[in-house]
Amino acid sequence: ENVGNPPPIVFLDGYGSHYFPHVPCVITNFTHNLP
């Protein structure tokens, strides 16, 4: 049922309920390296 939909919305949590309280985000870039 999700075919053709854009990438999912994710939620950022961190540092307690007053800093990043379940902030909706989209991931626009992911980079990782293999040293």
PDB file of all heavy atoms in Angstrom:
ATOM      1  N   GLU A   1       0.799  -1.222   0.000  1.00  0.00           N
ATOM      2  CA  GLU A   1       0.000   0.000   0.000  1.00  0.00           C
ATOM      3  C   GLU A   1       0.835   1.278   0.000  1.00  0.00           C
ATOM      4  O   GLU A   1       0.319   2.347  -0.309  1.00  0.00           O
ATOM      5  CB  GLU A   1      -0.943   0.010   1.200  1.00  0.00           C
ATOM      6  CG  GLU A   1      -0.217   0.001   2.533  1.00  0.00           C
ATOM      7  CD  GLU A   1      -1.162  -0.133   3.713  1.00  0.00           C
ATOM      8  OE1 GLU A   1      -2.120  -0.897   3.615  1.00  0.00           O
ATOM      9  OE2 GLU A   1      -0.910   0.547   4.717  1.00  0.00           O
ATOM     10  N   ASN A   2       2.116   1.206   0.316  1.00  0.00           N
ATOM     11  CA  ASN A   2       2.959   2.407   0.371  1.00  0.00           C
ATOM     12  C   ASN A   2       3.720   2.689  -0.917  1.00  0.00           C
ATOM     13  O   ASN A   2       4.463   3.668  -0.981  1.00  0.00           O
ATOM     14  CB  ASN A   2       3.963   2.294   1.523  1.00  0.00           C
ATOM     15  CG  ASN A   2       3.289   2.349   2.870  1.00  0.00           C
ATOM     16  OD1 ASN A   2       2.337   3.094   3.054  1.00  0.00           O
ATOM     17  ND2 ASN A   2       3.773   1.569   3.807  1.00  0.00           N
ATOM     18  N   VAL A   3       3.542   1.856  -1.942  1.00  0.00           N
ATOM     19  CA  VAL A   3       4.301   2.010  -3.182  1.00  0.00           C
ATOM     20  C   VAL A   3       4.112   3.418  -3.747  1.00  0.00           C
ATOM     21  O   VAL A   3       2.992   3.911  -3.848  1.00  0.00           O
ATOM     22  CB  VAL A   3       3.868   0.953  -4.220  1.00  0.00           C
ATOM     23  CG1 VAL A   3       4.485   1.228  -5.574  1.00  0.00           C
ATOM     24  CG2 VAL A   3       4.250  -0.425  -3.752  1.00  0.00           C
ATOM     25  N   GLY A   4       5.235   4.068  -4.063  1.00  0.00           N
ATOM     26  CA  GLY A   4       5.190   5.408  -4.637  1.00  0.00           C
ATOM     27  C   GLY A   4       5.218   6.525  -3.609  1.00  0.00           C
ATOM     28  O   GLY A   4       5.387   7.682  -3.972  1.00  0.00           O
ATOM     29  N   ASN A   5       5.044   6.197  -2.336  1.00  0.00           N
ATOM     30  CA  ASN A   5       5.102   7.226  -1.293  1.00  0.00           C
ATOM     31  C   ASN A   5       6.536   7.687  -1.081  1.00  0.00           C
ATOM     32  O   ASN A   5       7.478   6.939  -1.289  1.00  0.00           O
ATOM     33  CB  ASN A   5       4.543   6.694   0.032  1.00  0.00           C
ATOM     34  CG  ASN A   5       3.036   6.577   0.013  1.00  0.00           C
ATOM     35  OD1 ASN A   5       2.377   7.135  -0.838  1.00  0.00           O
ATOM     36  ND2 ASN A   5       2.505   5.838   0.968  1.00  0.00           N
ATOM     37  N   PRO A   6       6.701   8.922  -0.618  1.00  0.00           N
ATOM     38  CA  PRO A   6       8.057   9.409  -0.329  1.00  0.00           C
ATOM     39  C   PRO A   6       8.645   8.687   0.881  1.00  0.00           C
ATOM     40  O   PRO A   6       7.942   7.946   1.576  1.00  0.00           O
ATOM     41  CB  PRO A   6       7.833  10.897  -0.033  1.00  0.00           C
ATOM     42  CG  PRO A   6       6.420  11.003   0.383  1.00  0.00           C
ATOM     43  CD  PRO A   6       5.678   9.918  -0.342  1.00  0.00           C
ATOM     44  N   PRO A   7       9.917   8.916   1.173  1.00  0.00           N
ATOM     45  CA  PRO A   7      10.530   8.288   2.351  1.00  0.00           C
ATOM     46  C   PRO A   7       9.747   8.633   3.625  1.00  0.00           C
ATOM     47  O   PRO A   7       9.054   9.653   3.677  1.00  0.00           O
ATOM     48  CB  PRO A   7      11.938   8.895   2.389  1.00  0.00           C
ATOM     49  CG  PRO A   7      12.205   9.311   0.990  1.00  0.00           C
ATOM     50  CD  PRO A   7      10.880   9.739   0.433  1.00  0.00           C
ATOM     51  N   PRO A   8       9.861   7.805   4.636  1.00  0.00           N
ATOM     52  CA  PRO A   8       9.050   8.009   5.844  1.00  0.00           C
ATOM     53  C   PRO A   8       9.500   9.196   6.685  1.00  0.00           C
ATOM     54  O   PRO A   8      10.661   9.607   6.645  1.00  0.00           O
ATOM     55  CB  PRO A   8       9.257   6.710   6.621  1.00  0.00           C
ATOM     56  CG  PRO A   8      10.604   6.241   6.203  1.00  0.00           C
ATOM     57  CD  PRO A   8      10.730   6.627   4.756  1.00  0.00           C
ATOM     58  N   ILE A   9       8.570   9.727   7.445  1.00  0.00           N
ATOM     59  CA  ILE A   9       8.884  10.725   8.459  1.00  0.00           C
ATOM     60  C   ILE A   9       9.388   9.964   9.677  1.00  0.00           C
ATOM     61  O   ILE A   9       8.844   8.921  10.042  1.00  0.00           O
ATOM     62  CB  ILE A   9       7.628  11.550   8.818  1.00  0.00           C
ATOM     63  CG1 ILE A   9       7.223  12.404   7.621  1.00  0.00           C
ATOM     64  CG2 ILE A   9       7.879  12.417  10.041  1.00  0.00           C
ATOM     65  CD1 ILE A   9       5.938  13.158   7.806  1.00  0.00           C
ATOM     66  N   VAL A  10      10.444  10.464  10.283  1.00  0.00           N
ATOM     67  CA  VAL A  10      10.991   9.871  11.502  1.00  0.00           C
ATOM     68  C   VAL A  10      10.883  10.902  12.617  1.00  0.00           C
ATOM     69  O   VAL A  10      10.642  12.081  12.372  1.00  0.00           O
ATOM     70  CB  VAL A  10      12.460   9.414  11.326  1.00  0.00           C
ATOM     71  CG1 VAL A  10      12.560   8.309  10.284  1.00  0.00           C
ATOM     72  CG2 VAL A  10      13.357  10.572  10.955  1.00  0.00           C
ATOM     73  N   PHE A  11      11.040  10.441  13.834  1.00  0.00           N
ATOM     74  CA  PHE A  11      10.912  11.316  14.989  1.00  0.00           C
ATOM     75  C   PHE A  11      12.215  11.308  15.778  1.00  0.00           C
ATOM     76  O   PHE A  11      12.753  10.246  16.080  1.00  0.00           O
ATOM     77  CB  PHE A  11       9.736  10.878  15.860  1.00  0.00           C
ATOM     78  CG  PHE A  11       8.425  11.050  15.150  1.00  0.00           C
ATOM     79  CD1 PHE A  11       7.918  10.049  14.346  1.00  0.00           C
ATOM     80  CD2 PHE A  11       7.727  12.240  15.254  1.00  0.00           C
ATOM     81  CE1 PHE A  11       6.721  10.215  13.665  1.00  0.00           C
ATOM     82  CE2 PHE A  11       6.525  12.429  14.585  1.00  0.00           C
ATOM     83  CZ  PHE A  11       6.032  11.411  13.782  1.00  0.00           C
ATOM     84  N   LEU A  12      12.705  12.503  16.096  1.00  0.00           N
ATOM     85  CA  LEU A  12      13.953  12.679  16.826  1.00  0.00           C
ATOM     86  C   LEU A  12      13.638  12.954  18.288  1.00  0.00           C
ATOM     87  O   LEU A  12      12.882  13.865  18.609  1.00  0.00           O
ATOM     88  CB  LEU A  12      14.741  13.850  16.236  1.00  0.00           C
ATOM     89  CG  LEU A  12      16.032  14.258  16.951  1.00  0.00           C
ATOM     90  CD1 LEU A  12      17.058  13.127  16.898  1.00  0.00           C
ATOM     91  CD2 LEU A  12      16.595  15.527  16.331  1.00  0.00           C
ATOM     92  N   ASP A  13      14.200  12.140  19.161  1.00  0.00           N
ATOM     93  CA  ASP A  13      14.082  12.324  20.607  1.00  0.00           C
ATOM     94  C   ASP A  13      15.489  12.381  21.179  1.00  0.00           C
ATOM     95  O   ASP A  13      16.388  11.697  20.696  1.00  0.00           O
ATOM     96  CB  ASP A  13      13.337  11.149  21.250  1.00  0.00           C
ATOM     97  CG  ASP A  13      11.875  11.110  20.865  1.00  0.00           C
ATOM     98  OD1 ASP A  13      11.116  11.910  21.441  1.00  0.00           O
ATOM     99  OD2 ASP A  13      11.501  10.303  19.998  1.00  0.00           O
ATOM    100  N   GLY A  14      15.660  13.179  22.229  1.00  0.00           N
ATOM    101  CA  GLY A  14      16.958  13.209  22.883  1.00  0.00           C
ATOM    102  C   GLY A  14      17.059  14.302  23.920  1.00  0.00           C
ATOM    103  O   GLY A  14      16.404  15.344  23.820  1.00  0.00           O
ATOM    104  N   TYR A  15      17.849  14.035  24.926  1.00  0.00           N
ATOM    105  CA  TYR A  15      18.166  14.989  25.996  1.00  0.00           C
ATOM    106  C   TYR A  15      16.931  15.412  26.794  1.00  0.00           C
ATOM    107  O   TYR A  15      16.822  16.557  27.217  1.00  0.00           O
ATOM    108  CB  TYR A  15      18.895  16.218  25.438  1.00  0.00           C
ATOM    109  CG  TYR A  15      20.096  15.846  24.617  1.00  0.00           C
ATOM    110  CD1 TYR A  15      20.180  16.168  23.277  1.00  0.00           C
ATOM    111  CD2 TYR A  15      21.144  15.138  25.193  1.00  0.00           C
ATOM    112  CE1 TYR A  15      21.285  15.807  22.519  1.00  0.00           C
ATOM    113  CE2 TYR A  15      22.252  14.774  24.452  1.00  0.00           C
ATOM    114  CZ  TYR A  15      22.319  15.108  23.113  1.00  0.00           C
ATOM    115  OH  TYR A  15      23.409  14.742  22.366  1.00  0.00           O
ATOM    116  N   GLY A  16      16.001  14.496  26.989  1.00  0.00           N
ATOM    117  CA  GLY A  16      14.827  14.783  27.805  1.00  0.00           C
ATOM    118  C   GLY A  16      13.682  15.378  27.006  1.00  0.00           C
ATOM    119  O   GLY A  16      13.767  15.590  25.801  1.00  0.00           O
ATOM    120  N   SER A  17      12.610  15.659  27.704  1.00  0.00           N
ATOM    121  CA  SER A  17      11.383  16.103  27.039  1.00  0.00           C
ATOM    122  C   SER A  17      11.381  17.574  26.651  1.00  0.00           C
ATOM    123  O   SER A  17      10.431  18.044  26.047  1.00  0.00           O
ATOM    124  CB  SER A  17      10.186  15.813  27.943  1.00  0.00           C
ATOM    125  OG  SER A  17      10.338  16.516  29.159  1.00  0.00           O
ATOM    126  N   HIS A  18      12.442  18.320  26.986  1.00  0.00           N
ATOM    127  CA  HIS A  18      12.441  19.746  26.675  1.00  0.00           C
ATOM    128  C   HIS A  18      13.400  20.141  25.561  1.00  0.00           C
ATOM    129  O   HIS A  18      13.440  21.298  25.169  1.00  0.00           O
ATOM    130  CB  HIS A  18      12.768  20.567  27.926  1.00  0.00           C
ATOM    131  CG  HIS A  18      11.739  20.413  28.996  1.00  0.00           C
ATOM    132  ND1 HIS A  18      10.467  20.903  28.875  1.00  0.00           N
ATOM    133  CD2 HIS A  18      11.789  19.795  30.192  1.00  0.00           C
ATOM    134  CE1 HIS A  18       9.782  20.622  29.958  1.00  0.00           C
ATOM    135  NE2 HIS A  18      10.564  19.931  30.771  1.00  0.00           N
ATOM    136  N   TYR A  19      14.191  19.208  25.057  1.00  0.00           N
ATOM    137  CA  TYR A  19      15.136  19.596  24.017  1.00  0.00           C
ATOM    138  C   TYR A  19      14.724  19.071  22.645  1.00  0.00           C
ATOM    139  O   TYR A  19      14.478  19.837  21.740  1.00  0.00           O
ATOM    140  CB  TYR A  19      16.563  19.189  24.381  1.00  0.00           C
ATOM    141  CG  TYR A  19      17.557  20.081  23.693  1.00  0.00           C
ATOM    142  CD1 TYR A  19      17.912  21.295  24.243  1.00  0.00           C
ATOM    143  CD2 TYR A  19      18.088  19.739  22.467  1.00  0.00           C
ATOM    144  CE1 TYR A  19      18.777  22.156  23.588  1.00  0.00           C
ATOM    145  CE2 TYR A  19      18.955  20.586  21.804  1.00  0.00           C
ATOM    146  CZ  TYR A  19      19.289  21.787  22.365  1.00  0.00           C
ATOM    147  OH  TYR A  19      20.142  22.635  21.700  1.00  0.00           O
ATOM    148  N   PHE A  20      14.694  17.777  22.468  1.00  0.00           N
ATOM    149  CA  PHE A  20      14.175  17.178  21.234  1.00  0.00           C
ATOM    150  C   PHE A  20      13.024  16.260  21.606  1.00  0.00           C
ATOM    151  O   PHE A  20      13.181  15.049  21.699  1.00  0.00           O
ATOM    152  CB  PHE A  20      15.269  16.398  20.488  1.00  0.00           C
ATOM    153  CG  PHE A  20      16.352  17.243  19.905  1.00  0.00           C
ATOM    154  CD1 PHE A  20      17.651  17.127  20.352  1.00  0.00           C
ATOM    155  CD2 PHE A  20      16.076  18.158  18.908  1.00  0.00           C
ATOM    156  CE1 PHE A  20      18.663  17.898  19.818  1.00  0.00           C
ATOM    157  CE2 PHE A  20      17.086  18.947  18.368  1.00  0.00           C
ATOM    158  CZ  PHE A  20      18.380  18.815  18.827  1.00  0.00           C
ATOM    159  N   PRO A  21      11.828  16.822  21.804  1.00  0.00           N
ATOM    160  CA  PRO A  21      10.687  16.025  22.263  1.00  0.00           C
ATOM    161  C   PRO A  21       9.879  15.432  21.105  1.00  0.00           C
ATOM    162  O   PRO A  21       8.827  15.958  20.736  1.00  0.00           O
ATOM    163  CB  PRO A  21       9.865  17.033  23.051  1.00  0.00           C
ATOM    164  CG  PRO A  21      10.097  18.329  22.344  1.00  0.00           C
ATOM    165  CD  PRO A  21      11.511  18.250  21.802  1.00  0.00           C
ATOM    166  N   HIS A  22      10.359  14.380  20.504  1.00  0.00           N
ATOM    167  CA  HIS A  22       9.640  13.680  19.441  1.00  0.00           C
ATOM    168  C   HIS A  22       9.415  14.608  18.243  1.00  0.00           C
ATOM    169  O   HIS A  22       8.300  14.783  17.757  1.00  0.00           O
ATOM    170  CB  HIS A  22       8.328  13.118  19.981  1.00  0.00           C
ATOM    171  CG  HIS A  22       7.939  11.821  19.342  1.00  0.00           C
ATOM    172  ND1 HIS A  22       8.734  10.699  19.372  1.00  0.00           N
ATOM    173  CD2 HIS A  22       6.840  11.464  18.640  1.00  0.00           C
ATOM    174  CE1 HIS A  22       8.130   9.728  18.733  1.00  0.00           C
ATOM    175  NE2 HIS A  22       6.994  10.164  18.270  1.00  0.00           N
ATOM    176  N   VAL A  23      10.486  15.209  17.757  1.00  0.00           N
ATOM    177  CA  VAL A  23      10.447  16.187  16.671  1.00  0.00           C
ATOM    178  C   VAL A  23      10.314  15.456  15.334  1.00  0.00           C
ATOM    179  O   VAL A  23      11.154  14.613  15.001  1.00  0.00           O
ATOM    180  CB  VAL A  23      11.732  17.051  16.674  1.00  0.00           C
ATOM    181  CG1 VAL A  23      11.725  18.039  15.523  1.00  0.00           C
ATOM    182  CG2 VAL A  23      11.897  17.747  18.006  1.00  0.00           C
ATOM    183  N   PRO A  24       9.267  15.758  14.553  1.00  0.00           N
ATOM    184  CA  PRO A  24       9.139  15.112  13.241  1.00  0.00           C
ATOM    185  C   PRO A  24      10.211  15.617  12.291  1.00  0.00           C
ATOM    186  O   PRO A  24      10.477  16.818  12.209  1.00  0.00           O
ATOM    187  CB  PRO A  24       7.735  15.512  12.765  1.00  0.00           C
ATOM    188  CG  PRO A  24       7.353  16.685  13.582  1.00  0.00           C
ATOM    189  CD  PRO A  24       8.151  16.649  14.844  1.00  0.00           C
ATOM    190  N   CYS A  25      10.836  14.689  11.574  1.00  0.00           N
ATOM    191  CA  CYS A  25      11.945  15.017  10.660  1.00  0.00           C
ATOM    192  C   CYS A  25      11.860  14.142   9.415  1.00  0.00           C
ATOM    193  O   CYS A  25      11.224  13.093   9.419  1.00  0.00           O
ATOM    194  CB  CYS A  25      13.293  14.724  11.321  1.00  0.00           C
ATOM    195  SG  CYS A  25      13.620  15.551  12.859  1.00  0.00           S
ATOM    196  N   VAL A  26      12.546  14.582   8.395  1.00  0.00           N
ATOM    197  CA  VAL A  26      12.815  13.733   7.237  1.00  0.00           C
ATOM    198  C   VAL A  26      14.327  13.621   7.110  1.00  0.00           C
ATOM    199  O   VAL A  26      15.047  14.559   7.427  1.00  0.00           O
ATOM    200  CB  VAL A  26      12.189  14.283   5.934  1.00  0.00           C
ATOM    201  CG1 VAL A  26      10.679  14.193   5.973  1.00  0.00           C
ATOM    202  CG2 VAL A  26      12.639  15.691   5.653  1.00  0.00           C
ATOM    203  N   ILE A  27      14.775  12.484   6.682  1.00  0.00           N
ATOM    204  CA  ILE A  27      16.212  12.273   6.502  1.00  0.00           C
ATOM    205  C   ILE A  27      16.538  12.653   5.070  1.00  0.00           C
ATOM    206  O   ILE A  27      16.046  12.034   4.127  1.00  0.00           O
ATOM    207  CB  ILE A  27      16.597  10.812   6.800  1.00  0.00           C
ATOM    208  CG1 ILE A  27      16.244  10.469   8.246  1.00  0.00           C
ATOM    209  CG2 ILE A  27      18.085  10.584   6.530  1.00  0.00           C
ATOM    210  CD1 ILE A  27      16.408   9.011   8.598  1.00  0.00           C
ATOM    211  N   THR A  28      17.351  13.688   4.909  1.00  0.00           N
ATOM    212  CA  THR A  28      17.687  14.169   3.572  1.00  0.00           C
ATOM    213  C   THR A  28      19.064  13.711   3.108  1.00  0.00           C
ATOM    214  O   THR A  28      19.358  13.792   1.925  1.00  0.00           O
ATOM    215  CB  THR A  28      17.642  15.712   3.513  1.00  0.00           C
ATOM    216  OG1 THR A  28      18.599  16.237   4.439  1.00  0.00           O
ATOM    217  CG2 THR A  28      16.258  16.232   3.847  1.00  0.00           C
ATOM    218  N   ASN A  29      19.877  13.238   4.039  1.00  0.00           N
ATOM    219  CA  ASN A  29      21.237  12.861   3.684  1.00  0.00           C
ATOM    220  C   ASN A  29      21.747  11.856   4.703  1.00  0.00           C
ATOM    221  O   ASN A  29      21.532  12.017   5.900  1.00  0.00           O
ATOM    222  CB  ASN A  29      22.108  14.121   3.685  1.00  0.00           C
ATOM    223  CG  ASN A  29      23.529  13.854   3.250  1.00  0.00           C
ATOM    224  OD1 ASN A  29      23.884  12.749   2.875  1.00  0.00           O
ATOM    225  ND2 ASN A  29      24.350  14.877   3.317  1.00  0.00           N
ATOM    226  N   PHE A  30      22.410  10.833   4.225  1.00  0.00           N
ATOM    227  CA  PHE A  30      23.061   9.860   5.104  1.00  0.00           C
ATOM    228  C   PHE A  30      24.425   9.540   4.518  1.00  0.00           C
ATOM    229  O   PHE A  30      24.541   9.187   3.345  1.00  0.00           O
ATOM    230  CB  PHE A  30      22.230   8.574   5.227  1.00  0.00           C
ATOM    231  CG  PHE A  30      22.977   7.450   5.882  1.00  0.00           C
ATOM    232  CD1 PHE A  30      23.361   7.536   7.212  1.00  0.00           C
ATOM    233  CD2 PHE A  30      23.311   6.307   5.181  1.00  0.00           C
ATOM    234  CE1 PHE A  30      24.059   6.506   7.823  1.00  0.00           C
ATOM    235  CE2 PHE A  30      23.999   5.269   5.779  1.00  0.00           C
ATOM    236  CZ  PHE A  30      24.374   5.370   7.103  1.00  0.00           C
ATOM    237  N   THR A  31      25.450   9.712   5.325  1.00  0.00           N
ATOM    238  CA  THR A  31      26.818   9.425   4.901  1.00  0.00           C
ATOM    239  C   THR A  31      27.475   8.551   5.957  1.00  0.00           C
ATOM    240  O   THR A  31      27.316   8.801   7.150  1.00  0.00           O
ATOM    241  CB  THR A  31      27.629  10.734   4.775  1.00  0.00           C
ATOM    242  OG1 THR A  31      26.946  11.618   3.895  1.00  0.00           O
ATOM    243  CG2 THR A  31      29.022  10.466   4.257  1.00  0.00           C
ATOM    244  N   HIS A  32      28.168   7.533   5.525  1.00  0.00           N
ATOM    245  CA  HIS A  32      28.987   6.753   6.460  1.00  0.00           C
ATOM    246  C   HIS A  32      30.281   6.390   5.753  1.00  0.00           C
ATOM    247  O   HIS A  32      30.362   6.375   4.533  1.00  0.00           O
ATOM    248  CB  HIS A  32      28.236   5.508   6.980  1.00  0.00           C
ATOM    249  CG  HIS A  32      28.063   4.421   5.978  1.00  0.00           C
ATOM    250  ND1 HIS A  32      28.884   3.327   5.924  1.00  0.00           N
ATOM    251  CD2 HIS A  32      27.159   4.239   5.003  1.00  0.00           C
ATOM    252  CE1 HIS A  32      28.490   2.524   4.955  1.00  0.00           C
ATOM    253  NE2 HIS A  32      27.440   3.065   4.374  1.00  0.00           N
ATOM    254  N   ASN A  33      31.303   6.156   6.549  1.00  0.00           N
ATOM    255  CA  ASN A  33      32.584   5.812   5.945  1.00  0.00           C
ATOM    256  C   ASN A  33      33.097   4.503   6.520  1.00  0.00           C
ATOM    257  O   ASN A  33      32.710   4.092   7.601  1.00  0.00           O
ATOM    258  CB  ASN A  33      33.611   6.942   6.095  1.00  0.00           C
ATOM    259  CG  ASN A  33      33.931   7.241   7.548  1.00  0.00           C
ATOM    260  OD1 ASN A  33      33.676   6.449   8.433  1.00  0.00           O
ATOM    261  ND2 ASN A  33      34.490   8.400   7.802  1.00  0.00           N
ATOM    262  N   LEU A  34      33.955   3.875   5.772  1.00  0.00           N
ATOM    263  CA  LEU A  34      34.602   2.629   6.178  1.00  0.00           C
ATOM    264  C   LEU A  34      36.105   2.896   6.196  1.00  0.00           C
ATOM    265  O   LEU A  34      36.782   2.759   5.172  1.00  0.00           O
ATOM    266  CB  LEU A  34      34.261   1.493   5.209  1.00  0.00           C
ATOM    267  CG  LEU A  34      32.769   1.162   5.086  1.00  0.00           C
ATOM    268  CD1 LEU A  34      32.526   0.202   3.936  1.00  0.00           C
ATOM    269  CD2 LEU A  34      32.248   0.595   6.380  1.00  0.00           C
ATOM    270  N   PRO A  35      36.638   3.315   7.344  1.00  0.00           N
ATOM    271  CA  PRO A  35      38.063   3.658   7.399  1.00  0.00           C
ATOM    272  C   PRO A  35      38.957   2.443   7.140  1.00  0.00           C
ATOM    273  O   PRO A  35      38.564   1.298   7.379  1.00  0.00           O
ATOM    274  CB  PRO A  35      38.259   4.202   8.812  1.00  0.00           C
ATOM    275  CG  PRO A  35      37.040   3.868   9.570  1.00  0.00           C
ATOM    276  CD  PRO A  35      35.977   3.476   8.614  1.00  0.00           C
TER     277      PRO A  35
END
